[in-house]
Amino acid sequence: MKGRRNQYEIYWEILTFCKMPKSFTSIIHNCNLNSKIAQDYIEFLLHKSYLMKKEEHDKTTYQKTEKAQEFLVLFSRLYHELFEKNPY
């Protein structure tokens, strides 16, 4: 049974999910977050340039950037070393 996710796991989950453009609502549902918490995480990832915001035809989506790939690789490696398995 899994315990609570830490913030790095949530960052990893959002970035992994956003390989292709995703709406805010789909991020909330897929990553099991409430809107306030999701907004905080997304704002942080935007600030770090790990996510980009796209606005087209009155629709806003978020997508992982190339810069985020380094975080994903490092986090996955660390997680694997600590727990001898891949995240999720």
Protein backbone atom coordinates (compact mmCIF):
# COMPACT_ATOMS: atom_id res chain seq x y z
CA MET A 1 0.00 0.00 0.00
CA LYS A 2 1.31 3.41 -0.93
CA GLY A 3 1.56 6.34 1.44
CA ARG A 4 1.24 9.99 0.61
CA ARG A 5 3.13 11.25 -2.41
CA ASN A 6 5.86 13.78 -1.82
CA GLN A 7 6.08 16.92 -3.92
CA TYR A 8 8.80 15.50 -6.19
CA GLU A 9 6.58 12.54 -7.03
CA ILE A 10 3.74 14.93 -7.88
CA TYR A 11 6.04 17.02 -10.10
CA TRP A 12 7.16 13.80 -11.82
CA GLU A 13 3.57 12.64 -12.28
CA ILE A 14 2.42 15.96 -13.79
CA LEU A 15 5.39 16.16 -16.15
CA THR A 16 5.06 12.55 -17.22
CA PHE A 17 1.35 13.03 -17.90
CA CYS A 18 1.97 16.22 -19.88
CA LYS A 19 4.17 14.70 -22.58
CA MET A 20 1.38 15.80 -24.91
CA PRO A 21 -0.70 18.95 -24.27
CA LYS A 22 -3.20 18.42 -21.45
CA SER A 23 -5.92 20.60 -19.97
CA PHE A 24 -5.90 21.75 -16.37
CA THR A 25 -8.95 19.57 -15.68
CA SER A 26 -7.32 16.45 -17.09
CA ILE A 27 -4.20 17.10 -14.97
CA ILE A 28 -6.36 17.39 -11.83
CA HIS A 29 -8.17 14.14 -12.59
CA ASN A 30 -5.20 12.08 -13.76
CA CYS A 31 -2.87 13.22 -10.96
CA ASN A 32 -5.61 13.12 -8.30
CA LEU A 33 -5.14 16.71 -7.10
CA ASN A 34 -7.54 19.41 -6.03
CA SER A 35 -7.58 22.57 -8.12
CA LYS A 36 -5.72 24.78 -5.60
CA ILE A 37 -2.88 22.31 -5.11
CA ALA A 38 -2.68 21.59 -8.84
CA GLN A 39 -2.48 25.31 -9.58
CA ASP A 40 0.44 25.69 -7.14
CA TYR A 41 2.34 22.79 -8.71
CA ILE A 42 1.68 23.95 -12.25
CA GLU A 43 2.75 27.52 -11.44
CA PHE A 44 6.01 26.20 -9.99
CA LEU A 45 6.68 24.03 -13.05
CA LEU A 46 5.91 26.97 -15.36
CA HIS A 47 8.28 29.18 -13.36
CA LYS A 48 11.05 26.56 -13.69
CA SER A 49 10.30 26.28 -17.45
CA TYR A 50 9.50 22.57 -17.07
CA LEU A 51 5.97 23.14 -18.38
CA MET A 52 4.77 25.47 -21.09
CA LYS A 53 1.32 26.96 -21.33
CA LYS A 54 -0.41 26.96 -24.70
CA GLU A 55 -3.52 28.99 -25.47
CA GLU A 56 -5.42 28.20 -28.67
CA HIS A 57 -9.04 28.88 -29.55
CA ASP A 58 -10.04 29.71 -25.95
CA LYS A 59 -8.45 26.46 -24.73
CA THR A 60 -5.45 26.38 -22.40
CA THR A 61 -3.20 23.34 -22.27
CA TYR A 62 0.08 22.48 -20.57
CA GLN A 63 2.95 20.49 -22.00
CA LYS A 64 6.30 19.28 -20.71
CA THR A 65 9.34 21.11 -22.08
CA GLU A 66 12.68 19.65 -23.11
CA LYS A 67 14.18 21.20 -19.98
CA ALA A 68 11.93 18.95 -17.87
CA GLN A 69 13.53 15.82 -19.29
CA GLU A 70 16.63 16.24 -17.11
CA PHE A 71 14.47 16.36 -13.97
CA LEU A 72 12.53 13.27 -15.08
CA VAL A 73 15.70 11.27 -15.76
CA LEU A 74 17.34 12.29 -12.48
CA PHE A 75 14.21 11.69 -10.42
CA SER A 76 13.63 8.28 -11.99
CA ARG A 77 17.24 7.28 -11.37
CA LEU A 78 17.11 8.42 -7.73
CA TYR A 79 13.78 6.72 -7.13
CA HIS A 80 15.07 3.50 -8.66
CA GLU A 81 18.23 3.61 -6.50
CA LEU A 82 16.26 4.22 -3.31
CA PHE A 83 13.43 1.77 -3.86
CA GLU A 84 14.85 -0.57 -6.53
CA LYS A 85 11.85 0.05 -8.76
CA ASN A 86 10.62 2.71 -11.18
CA PRO A 87 8.28 5.43 -9.93
CA TYR A 88 4.68 4.23 -10.10
